[in-house]
Amino acid sequence: MRYFRIFDDYELEASFTRETVEGRYRVDVSENAAWPHFMTGGALLVSGAFLRALESAGVTPCEAEPVSLVDARTGHARDGYFELKVLASRQAADLRGSTFDVLMEGSDDGTIPPTLAFTEVVLEAGRVGGSKMFRLAEDPTVLVIDETVRDALVAHRPAEGWGVILEELEAR
């Protein structure tokens, strides 16, 4: 099985902030840019089309709550987006092969993993546990998908693209 780190395309000029009203985000997108289908930054926001592509690949467990995105330029709200909470977390990084900074030490008995900031991730494939999409327990900012999810994203790709970058990870 092949695995990929997924993150938003940093070349897209889009950012968001949570409003004080629950379930609303103010989004700043360049004037002529397409709205991304995948945005990170304190929360993971995805379009309905992106969510359907994940569902077609059998991604579980996740929670998806509908949200409204408010265009920072016009004030108009856009529906059809979701805050996606990826519930699967795997302690699957091969720390001998990965490159990282230690942000916080883990417990001495190993029950609490250290908190790390990876610059290069190598996975221990046997520790993925069949998850199609998960966060690394050692660095929850790292979101990983398997090749079945990547294939579903390719198959359902909209004309403007998803607004994501996929980085294939070495898995041992």
N, C-alpha and C. Protein backbone atom coordinates (compact mmCIF):
# COMPACT_ATOMS: atom_id res chain seq x y z
N MET A 1 0.84 -1.18 0.00
CA MET A 1 0.00 0.00 0.00
C MET A 1 0.89 1.24 0.00
N ARG A 2 0.48 2.23 -0.77
CA ARG A 2 1.19 3.51 -0.81
C ARG A 2 0.43 4.53 0.02
N TYR A 3 1.18 5.47 0.62
CA TYR A 3 0.59 6.49 1.48
C TYR A 3 1.06 7.87 1.05
N PHE A 4 0.21 8.86 1.30
CA PHE A 4 0.48 10.22 0.87
C PHE A 4 0.13 11.20 1.98
N ARG A 5 0.98 12.19 2.15
CA ARG A 5 0.66 13.31 3.02
C ARG A 5 -0.16 14.27 2.18
N ILE A 6 -1.27 14.75 2.71
CA ILE A 6 -2.13 15.67 1.97
C ILE A 6 -2.16 17.01 2.71
N PHE A 7 -1.98 18.08 1.96
CA PHE A 7 -2.07 19.41 2.55
C PHE A 7 -2.53 20.39 1.49
N ASP A 8 -2.97 21.57 1.93
CA ASP A 8 -3.51 22.51 0.97
C ASP A 8 -2.40 23.11 0.11
N ASP A 9 -2.77 23.43 -1.10
CA ASP A 9 -1.84 23.99 -2.07
C ASP A 9 -1.49 25.41 -1.63
N TYR A 10 -0.26 25.59 -1.18
CA TYR A 10 0.18 26.89 -0.66
C TYR A 10 0.23 27.96 -1.74
N GLU A 11 0.17 27.58 -3.02
CA GLU A 11 0.17 28.58 -4.09
C GLU A 11 -1.20 29.23 -4.26
N LEU A 12 -2.25 28.56 -3.76
CA LEU A 12 -3.57 29.17 -3.81
C LEU A 12 -3.63 30.26 -2.76
N GLU A 13 -4.11 31.40 -3.13
CA GLU A 13 -4.16 32.50 -2.18
C GLU A 13 -5.51 32.48 -1.48
N ALA A 14 -5.62 31.60 -0.48
CA ALA A 14 -6.85 31.49 0.29
C ALA A 14 -6.49 31.29 1.75
N SER A 15 -7.23 31.94 2.62
CA SER A 15 -7.05 31.76 4.05
C SER A 15 -8.42 31.92 4.71
N PHE A 16 -8.53 31.44 5.95
CA PHE A 16 -9.80 31.60 6.64
C PHE A 16 -9.58 31.83 8.12
N THR A 17 -10.58 32.44 8.74
CA THR A 17 -10.60 32.64 10.18
C THR A 17 -11.99 32.28 10.68
N ARG A 18 -12.02 31.72 11.89
CA ARG A 18 -13.31 31.35 12.51
C ARG A 18 -13.99 32.62 12.99
N GLU A 19 -15.28 32.76 12.67
CA GLU A 19 -16.05 33.88 13.18
C GLU A 19 -16.57 33.52 14.57
N THR A 20 -17.10 34.52 15.25
CA THR A 20 -17.63 34.26 16.59
C THR A 20 -18.90 33.43 16.55
N VAL A 21 -19.60 33.42 15.43
CA VAL A 21 -20.80 32.61 15.26
C VAL A 21 -20.36 31.18 14.95
N GLU A 22 -20.87 30.22 15.72
CA GLU A 22 -20.50 28.81 15.53
C GLU A 22 -20.82 28.37 14.10
N GLY A 23 -19.87 27.67 13.47
CA GLY A 23 -20.10 27.13 12.13
C GLY A 23 -19.93 28.13 11.00
N ARG A 24 -19.33 29.29 11.28
CA ARG A 24 -19.09 30.28 10.21
C ARG A 24 -17.61 30.63 10.18
N TYR A 25 -17.10 30.70 8.96
CA TYR A 25 -15.70 31.06 8.74
C TYR A 25 -15.65 32.17 7.71
N ARG A 26 -14.78 33.15 7.95
CA ARG A 26 -14.54 34.21 6.97
C ARG A 26 -13.37 33.75 6.11
N VAL A 27 -13.61 33.71 4.80
CA VAL A 27 -12.61 33.21 3.85
C VAL A 27 -12.14 34.34 2.96
N ASP A 28 -10.84 34.45 2.82
CA ASP A 28 -10.24 35.45 1.95
C ASP A 28 -9.61 34.72 0.77
N VAL A 29 -10.23 34.87 -0.39
CA VAL A 29 -9.76 34.21 -1.62
C VAL A 29 -9.47 35.30 -2.63
N SER A 30 -8.40 35.14 -3.39
CA SER A 30 -8.07 36.11 -4.43
C SER A 30 -9.28 36.32 -5.35
N GLU A 31 -9.39 37.52 -5.88
CA GLU A 31 -10.58 37.93 -6.61
C GLU A 31 -11.01 36.96 -7.71
N ASN A 32 -10.09 36.49 -8.54
CA ASN A 32 -10.46 35.62 -9.66
C ASN A 32 -10.15 34.16 -9.42
N ALA A 33 -9.77 33.81 -8.21
CA ALA A 33 -9.37 32.42 -7.91
C ALA A 33 -10.60 31.55 -7.64
N ALA A 34 -10.47 30.29 -8.00
CA ALA A 34 -11.51 29.32 -7.65
C ALA A 34 -11.43 29.05 -6.15
N TRP A 35 -12.56 28.79 -5.52
CA TRP A 35 -12.56 28.48 -4.09
C TRP A 35 -12.00 27.09 -3.91
N PRO A 36 -11.03 26.92 -3.02
CA PRO A 36 -10.44 25.60 -2.81
C PRO A 36 -11.46 24.63 -2.21
N HIS A 37 -11.25 23.37 -2.46
CA HIS A 37 -12.09 22.31 -1.91
C HIS A 37 -11.53 21.79 -0.59
N PHE A 38 -10.32 22.21 -0.22
CA PHE A 38 -9.60 21.70 0.94
C PHE A 38 -8.80 22.83 1.53
N MET A 39 -9.09 23.20 2.78
CA MET A 39 -8.38 24.30 3.44
C MET A 39 -8.05 23.89 4.87
N THR A 40 -6.82 24.18 5.29
CA THR A 40 -6.41 23.90 6.66
C THR A 40 -5.95 25.18 7.33
N GLY A 41 -5.88 25.13 8.64
CA GLY A 41 -5.42 26.28 9.41
C GLY A 41 -6.24 26.41 10.68
N GLY A 42 -6.05 25.54 11.62
CA GLY A 42 -6.84 25.54 12.84
C GLY A 42 -8.05 24.65 12.75
N ALA A 43 -8.50 24.38 11.56
CA ALA A 43 -9.60 23.46 11.28
C ALA A 43 -9.37 22.92 9.87
N LEU A 44 -10.04 21.84 9.54
CA LEU A 44 -9.98 21.29 8.18
C LEU A 44 -11.34 21.52 7.55
N LEU A 45 -11.38 22.37 6.53
CA LEU A 45 -12.61 22.68 5.82
C LEU A 45 -12.55 22.05 4.44
N VAL A 46 -13.64 21.33 4.07
CA VAL A 46 -13.69 20.68 2.77
C VAL A 46 -15.04 20.96 2.10
N SER A 47 -15.04 20.90 0.79
CA SER A 47 -16.29 21.07 0.04
C SER A 47 -17.09 19.77 0.09
N GLY A 48 -18.36 19.88 -0.25
CA GLY A 48 -19.20 18.69 -0.34
C GLY A 48 -18.66 17.71 -1.36
N ALA A 49 -18.12 18.21 -2.48
CA ALA A 49 -17.56 17.32 -3.51
C ALA A 49 -16.36 16.56 -2.96
N PHE A 50 -15.52 17.23 -2.20
CA PHE A 50 -14.35 16.57 -1.61
C PHE A 50 -14.81 15.50 -0.61
N LEU A 51 -15.79 15.84 0.21
CA LEU A 51 -16.33 14.89 1.19
C LEU A 51 -16.91 13.66 0.50
N ARG A 52 -17.63 13.86 -0.61
CA ARG A 52 -18.20 12.72 -1.36
C ARG A 52 -17.09 11.84 -1.94
N ALA A 53 -15.99 12.44 -2.40
CA ALA A 53 -14.86 11.65 -2.91
C ALA A 53 -14.27 10.80 -1.79
N LEU A 54 -14.14 11.37 -0.58
CA LEU A 54 -13.64 10.59 0.56
C LEU A 54 -14.58 9.44 0.88
N GLU A 55 -15.88 9.72 0.89
CA GLU A 55 -16.87 8.68 1.18
C GLU A 55 -16.83 7.57 0.14
N SER A 56 -16.58 7.93 -1.12
CA SER A 56 -16.53 6.90 -2.18
C SER A 56 -15.35 5.96 -1.98
N ALA A 57 -14.32 6.44 -1.27
CA ALA A 57 -13.15 5.61 -0.98
C ALA A 57 -13.32 4.83 0.32
N GLY A 58 -14.43 5.05 1.02
CA GLY A 58 -14.68 4.33 2.26
C GLY A 58 -13.96 4.90 3.47
N VAL A 59 -13.68 6.22 3.46
CA VAL A 59 -12.97 6.83 4.58
C VAL A 59 -13.88 6.88 5.81
N THR A 60 -13.41 6.29 6.90
CA THR A 60 -14.06 6.36 8.21
C THR A 60 -12.95 6.25 9.25
N PRO A 61 -13.06 6.65 10.46
CA PRO A 61 -14.14 7.48 10.98
C PRO A 61 -13.81 8.96 10.86
N CYS A 62 -14.78 9.72 10.47
CA CYS A 62 -14.67 11.18 10.39
C CYS A 62 -16.01 11.77 10.82
N GLU A 63 -15.95 12.98 11.29
CA GLU A 63 -17.17 13.74 11.56
C GLU A 63 -17.14 14.94 10.63
N ALA A 64 -18.25 15.19 9.97
CA ALA A 64 -18.36 16.33 9.06
C ALA A 64 -19.55 17.18 9.48
N GLU A 65 -19.26 18.40 9.91
CA GLU A 65 -20.30 19.34 10.33
C GLU A 65 -20.44 20.42 9.27
N PRO A 66 -21.66 20.69 8.80
CA PRO A 66 -21.84 21.76 7.81
C PRO A 66 -21.40 23.11 8.37
N VAL A 67 -20.76 23.90 7.53
CA VAL A 67 -20.34 25.25 7.91
C VAL A 67 -20.70 26.22 6.79
N SER A 68 -20.76 27.49 7.12
CA SER A 68 -20.93 28.55 6.14
C SER A 68 -19.61 29.28 5.99
N LEU A 69 -19.22 29.51 4.77
CA LEU A 69 -18.02 30.28 4.50
C LEU A 69 -18.46 31.65 4.00
N VAL A 70 -17.96 32.70 4.62
CA VAL A 70 -18.33 34.06 4.25
C VAL A 70 -17.18 34.68 3.47
N ASP A 71 -17.47 35.12 2.26
CA ASP A 71 -16.47 35.75 1.41
C ASP A 71 -16.06 37.08 2.05
N ALA A 72 -14.79 37.22 2.38
CA ALA A 72 -14.28 38.42 3.06
C ALA A 72 -14.44 39.67 2.19
N ARG A 73 -14.44 39.51 0.87
CA ARG A 73 -14.56 40.66 -0.01
C ARG A 73 -16.00 41.12 -0.18
N THR A 74 -16.93 40.16 -0.32
CA THR A 74 -18.31 40.52 -0.65
C THR A 74 -19.28 40.38 0.51
N GLY A 75 -18.91 39.58 1.52
CA GLY A 75 -19.83 39.32 2.63
C GLY A 75 -20.85 38.24 2.35
N HIS A 76 -20.83 37.69 1.14
CA HIS A 76 -21.79 36.63 0.78
C HIS A 76 -21.37 35.30 1.40
N ALA A 77 -22.36 34.56 1.91
CA ALA A 77 -22.10 33.25 2.51
C ALA A 77 -22.18 32.17 1.45
N ARG A 78 -21.33 31.18 1.59
CA ARG A 78 -21.35 30.00 0.72
C ARG A 78 -21.59 28.78 1.58
N ASP A 79 -22.57 28.01 1.20
CA ASP A 79 -22.83 26.75 1.88
C ASP A 79 -22.21 25.62 1.07
N GLY A 80 -22.38 24.39 1.54
CA GLY A 80 -21.81 23.24 0.82
C GLY A 80 -20.41 22.91 1.26
N TYR A 81 -19.97 23.49 2.38
CA TYR A 81 -18.66 23.18 2.95
C TYR A 81 -18.85 22.54 4.32
N PHE A 82 -17.84 21.81 4.76
CA PHE A 82 -17.92 21.08 6.01
C PHE A 82 -16.62 21.24 6.79
N GLU A 83 -16.75 21.26 8.11
CA GLU A 83 -15.57 21.14 8.96
C GLU A 83 -15.39 19.64 9.18
N LEU A 84 -14.27 19.12 8.72
CA LEU A 84 -14.01 17.68 8.79
C LEU A 84 -13.09 17.39 9.96
N LYS A 85 -13.55 16.53 10.83
CA LYS A 85 -12.74 16.10 11.97
C LYS A 85 -12.31 14.66 11.71
N VAL A 86 -11.02 14.49 11.47
CA VAL A 86 -10.46 13.16 11.22
C VAL A 86 -10.20 12.53 12.58
N LEU A 87 -10.95 11.48 12.90
CA LEU A 87 -10.88 10.89 14.24
C LEU A 87 -9.77 9.85 14.37
N ALA A 88 -9.36 9.27 13.26
CA ALA A 88 -8.31 8.24 13.33
C ALA A 88 -6.95 8.89 13.56
N SER A 89 -6.24 8.38 14.54
CA SER A 89 -4.89 8.83 14.85
C SER A 89 -4.02 7.58 15.00
N ARG A 90 -2.89 7.56 14.33
CA ARG A 90 -2.01 6.38 14.38
C ARG A 90 -0.61 6.81 14.77
N GLN A 91 -0.01 6.07 15.67
CA GLN A 91 1.39 6.26 16.04
C GLN A 91 2.20 5.42 15.05
N ALA A 92 2.31 5.95 13.82
CA ALA A 92 2.83 5.15 12.71
C ALA A 92 4.12 5.70 12.10
N ALA A 93 4.70 6.72 12.69
CA ALA A 93 5.93 7.28 12.12
C ALA A 93 7.13 6.40 12.50
N ASP A 94 7.98 6.16 11.52
CA ASP A 94 9.25 5.49 11.78
C ASP A 94 10.23 6.59 12.20
N LEU A 95 10.45 6.70 13.49
CA LEU A 95 11.26 7.80 14.01
C LEU A 95 12.73 7.69 13.63
N ARG A 96 13.20 6.48 13.35
CA ARG A 96 14.59 6.30 12.92
C ARG A 96 14.80 6.82 11.50
N GLY A 97 13.77 6.72 10.66
CA GLY A 97 13.92 7.14 9.27
C GLY A 97 13.41 8.53 8.98
N SER A 98 12.62 9.10 9.88
CA SER A 98 12.01 10.41 9.67
C SER A 98 12.93 11.53 10.16
N THR A 99 12.67 12.72 9.68
CA THR A 99 13.37 13.92 10.14
C THR A 99 12.35 14.82 10.83
N PHE A 100 12.69 15.29 12.03
CA PHE A 100 11.72 16.06 12.81
C PHE A 100 12.41 16.85 13.91
N ASP A 101 11.65 17.80 14.47
CA ASP A 101 12.03 18.52 15.68
C ASP A 101 11.12 18.03 16.79
N VAL A 102 11.65 17.89 18.00
CA VAL A 102 10.85 17.48 19.16
C VAL A 102 10.23 18.72 19.78
N LEU A 103 8.90 18.77 19.82
CA LEU A 103 8.20 19.88 20.45
C LEU A 103 7.90 19.60 21.91
N MET A 104 7.62 18.31 22.21
CA MET A 104 7.32 17.90 23.57
C MET A 104 7.65 16.42 23.72
N GLU A 105 8.35 16.07 24.78
CA GLU A 105 8.70 14.67 25.03
C GLU A 105 7.45 13.87 25.36
N GLY A 106 7.46 12.58 25.02
CA GLY A 106 6.36 11.68 25.37
C GLY A 106 6.57 11.11 26.76
N SER A 107 5.64 10.25 27.18
CA SER A 107 5.76 9.63 28.50
C SER A 107 6.86 8.58 28.49
N ASP A 108 7.44 8.33 29.65
CA ASP A 108 8.52 7.34 29.77
C ASP A 108 8.05 5.93 29.41
N ASP A 109 6.78 5.63 29.68
CA ASP A 109 6.27 4.27 29.41
C ASP A 109 5.80 4.10 27.97
N GLY A 110 5.83 5.18 27.16
CA GLY A 110 5.47 5.09 25.75
C GLY A 110 3.99 5.19 25.46
N THR A 111 3.15 5.34 26.49
CA THR A 111 1.70 5.43 26.26
C THR A 111 1.30 6.76 25.64
N ILE A 112 2.08 7.81 25.88
CA ILE A 112 1.85 9.11 25.26
C ILE A 112 3.03 9.39 24.34
N PRO A 113 2.76 9.46 23.03
CA PRO A 113 3.88 9.69 22.11
C PRO A 113 4.42 11.11 22.24
N PRO A 114 5.66 11.32 21.83
CA PRO A 114 6.18 12.69 21.82
C PRO A 114 5.42 13.50 20.77
N THR A 115 5.40 14.80 20.93
CA THR A 115 4.83 15.68 19.92
C THR A 115 5.98 16.21 19.08
N LEU A 116 5.89 15.96 17.79
CA LEU A 116 6.99 16.26 16.87
C LEU A 116 6.51 17.19 15.76
N ALA A 117 7.45 17.83 15.10
CA ALA A 117 7.18 18.61 13.89
C ALA A 117 8.05 18.01 12.79
N PHE A 118 7.42 17.29 11.88
CA PHE A 118 8.15 16.56 10.83
C PHE A 118 8.53 17.45 9.67
N THR A 119 9.75 17.26 9.17
CA THR A 119 10.14 17.83 7.89
C THR A 119 10.14 16.73 6.84
N GLU A 120 10.38 15.49 7.26
CA GLU A 120 10.27 14.32 6.37
C GLU A 120 9.68 13.17 7.18
N VAL A 121 8.61 12.57 6.63
CA VAL A 121 7.91 11.49 7.32
C VAL A 121 8.18 10.17 6.62
N VAL A 122 8.58 9.18 7.41
CA VAL A 122 8.66 7.79 6.95
C VAL A 122 7.69 7.02 7.84
N LEU A 123 6.83 6.23 7.21
CA LEU A 123 5.82 5.48 7.96
C LEU A 123 6.26 4.06 8.23
N GLU A 124 5.78 3.51 9.34
CA GLU A 124 5.85 2.08 9.60
C GLU A 124 4.50 1.53 9.16
N ALA A 125 4.45 0.93 7.96
CA ALA A 125 3.20 0.52 7.35
C ALA A 125 2.38 -0.41 8.24
N GLY A 126 3.04 -1.27 9.00
CA GLY A 126 2.34 -2.21 9.86
C GLY A 126 1.58 -1.55 10.99
N ARG A 127 1.86 -0.27 11.26
CA ARG A 127 1.20 0.42 12.36
C ARG A 127 0.04 1.29 11.89
N VAL A 128 -0.24 1.28 10.58
CA VAL A 128 -1.34 2.07 10.05
C VAL A 128 -2.69 1.45 10.41
N GLY A 129 -2.73 0.15 10.53
CA GLY A 129 -3.95 -0.52 10.97
C GLY A 129 -5.10 -0.46 9.99
N GLY A 130 -4.82 -0.36 8.71
CA GLY A 130 -5.88 -0.36 7.70
C GLY A 130 -6.60 0.97 7.54
N SER A 131 -6.18 2.01 8.24
CA SER A 131 -6.84 3.32 8.11
C SER A 131 -6.58 3.90 6.73
N LYS A 132 -7.62 4.42 6.12
CA LYS A 132 -7.50 5.05 4.81
C LYS A 132 -7.10 6.52 4.91
N MET A 133 -7.46 7.14 6.05
CA MET A 133 -7.12 8.54 6.30
C MET A 133 -6.93 8.69 7.79
N PHE A 134 -5.80 9.27 8.19
CA PHE A 134 -5.52 9.41 9.61
C PHE A 134 -4.53 10.54 9.86
N ARG A 135 -4.48 10.97 11.10
CA ARG A 135 -3.48 11.93 11.54
C ARG A 135 -2.38 11.16 12.26
N LEU A 136 -1.16 11.63 12.14
CA LEU A 136 -0.07 11.02 12.89
C LEU A 136 -0.20 11.43 14.35
N ALA A 137 -0.17 10.48 15.25
CA ALA A 137 -0.25 10.78 16.69
C ALA A 137 0.94 11.63 17.12
N GLU A 138 2.08 11.42 16.50
CA GLU A 138 3.29 12.15 16.86
C GLU A 138 3.26 13.61 16.38
N ASP A 139 2.46 13.90 15.36
CA ASP A 139 2.33 15.26 14.83
C ASP A 139 0.95 15.36 14.18
N PRO A 140 -0.06 15.76 14.95
CA PRO A 140 -1.43 15.78 14.43
C PRO A 140 -1.67 16.71 13.25
N THR A 141 -0.69 17.56 12.92
CA THR A 141 -0.85 18.40 11.74
C THR A 141 -0.63 17.61 10.46
N VAL A 142 -0.02 16.42 10.58
CA VAL A 142 0.24 15.58 9.40
C VAL A 142 -0.98 14.71 9.14
N LEU A 143 -1.60 14.93 7.99
CA LEU A 143 -2.76 14.17 7.56
C LEU A 143 -2.31 13.22 6.45
N VAL A 144 -2.61 11.93 6.61
CA VAL A 144 -2.14 10.90 5.69
C VAL A 144 -3.33 10.19 5.07
N ILE A 145 -3.25 9.94 3.77
CA ILE A 145 -4.26 9.14 3.07
C ILE A 145 -3.55 7.97 2.40
N ASP A 146 -4.31 6.90 2.14
CA ASP A 146 -3.72 5.79 1.41
C ASP A 146 -4.04 5.94 -0.08
N GLU A 147 -3.53 5.01 -0.88
CA GLU A 147 -3.67 5.14 -2.33
C GLU A 147 -5.11 4.99 -2.81
N THR A 148 -5.97 4.30 -2.06
CA THR A 148 -7.37 4.19 -2.49
C THR A 148 -8.05 5.55 -2.40
N VAL A 149 -7.70 6.34 -1.39
CA VAL A 149 -8.25 7.69 -1.27
C VAL A 149 -7.66 8.57 -2.36
N ARG A 150 -6.36 8.47 -2.59
CA ARG A 150 -5.75 9.23 -3.68
C ARG A 150 -6.42 8.90 -5.02
N ASP A 151 -6.68 7.61 -5.26
CA ASP A 151 -7.34 7.21 -6.51
C ASP A 151 -8.74 7.80 -6.61
N ALA A 152 -9.48 7.85 -5.50
CA ALA A 152 -10.82 8.44 -5.50
C ALA A 152 -10.75 9.94 -5.78
N LEU A 153 -9.75 10.62 -5.22
CA LEU A 153 -9.58 12.05 -5.49
C LEU A 153 -9.25 12.29 -6.96
N VAL A 154 -8.44 11.44 -7.53
CA VAL A 154 -8.11 11.55 -8.96
C VAL A 154 -9.36 11.31 -9.81
N ALA A 155 -10.13 10.28 -9.47
CA ALA A 155 -11.32 9.91 -10.25
C ALA A 155 -12.41 10.98 -10.19
N HIS A 156 -12.51 11.69 -9.08
CA HIS A 156 -13.59 12.68 -8.89
C HIS A 156 -13.10 14.12 -8.98
N ARG A 157 -11.89 14.31 -9.49
CA ARG A 157 -11.28 15.65 -9.52
C ARG A 157 -12.12 16.63 -10.34
N PRO A 158 -12.47 17.77 -9.74
CA PRO A 158 -13.18 18.80 -10.51
C PRO A 158 -12.24 19.50 -11.48
N ALA A 159 -12.81 20.19 -12.45
CA ALA A 159 -12.00 20.86 -13.48
C ALA A 159 -10.99 21.83 -12.88
N GLU A 160 -11.36 22.52 -11.80
CA GLU A 160 -10.45 23.49 -11.20
C GLU A 160 -9.46 22.86 -10.23
N GLY A 161 -9.56 21.55 -10.03
CA GLY A 161 -8.68 20.85 -9.10
C GLY A 161 -9.19 20.93 -7.69
N TRP A 162 -8.59 20.16 -6.79
CA TRP A 162 -9.01 20.14 -5.39
C TRP A 162 -8.35 21.23 -4.57
N GLY A 163 -7.20 21.72 -5.00
CA GLY A 163 -6.45 22.67 -4.18
C GLY A 163 -5.62 21.97 -3.13
N VAL A 164 -5.11 20.78 -3.47
CA VAL A 164 -4.29 20.02 -2.53
C VAL A 164 -2.96 19.66 -3.16
N ILE A 165 -2.01 19.35 -2.30
CA ILE A 165 -0.74 18.77 -2.72
C ILE A 165 -0.63 17.42 -2.04
N LEU A 166 -0.25 16.41 -2.80
CA LEU A 166 -0.02 15.08 -2.26
C LEU A 166 1.46 14.78 -2.34
N GLU A 167 2.02 14.38 -1.20
CA GLU A 167 3.43 14.03 -1.13
C GLU A 167 3.51 12.55 -0.77
N GLU A 168 4.03 11.73 -1.67
CA GLU A 168 4.12 10.30 -1.36
C GLU A 168 5.14 10.09 -0.26
N LEU A 169 4.75 9.25 0.69
CA LEU A 169 5.60 8.96 1.84
C LEU A 169 6.28 7.60 1.68
N GLU A 170 7.49 7.50 2.16
CA GLU A 170 8.14 6.20 2.21
C GLU A 170 7.47 5.40 3.32
N ALA A 171 7.14 4.15 3.03
CA ALA A 171 6.54 3.26 4.04
C ALA A 171 7.37 2.00 4.10
N ARG A 172 7.75 1.62 5.31
CA ARG A 172 8.60 0.45 5.52
C ARG A 172 7.81 -0.65 6.19
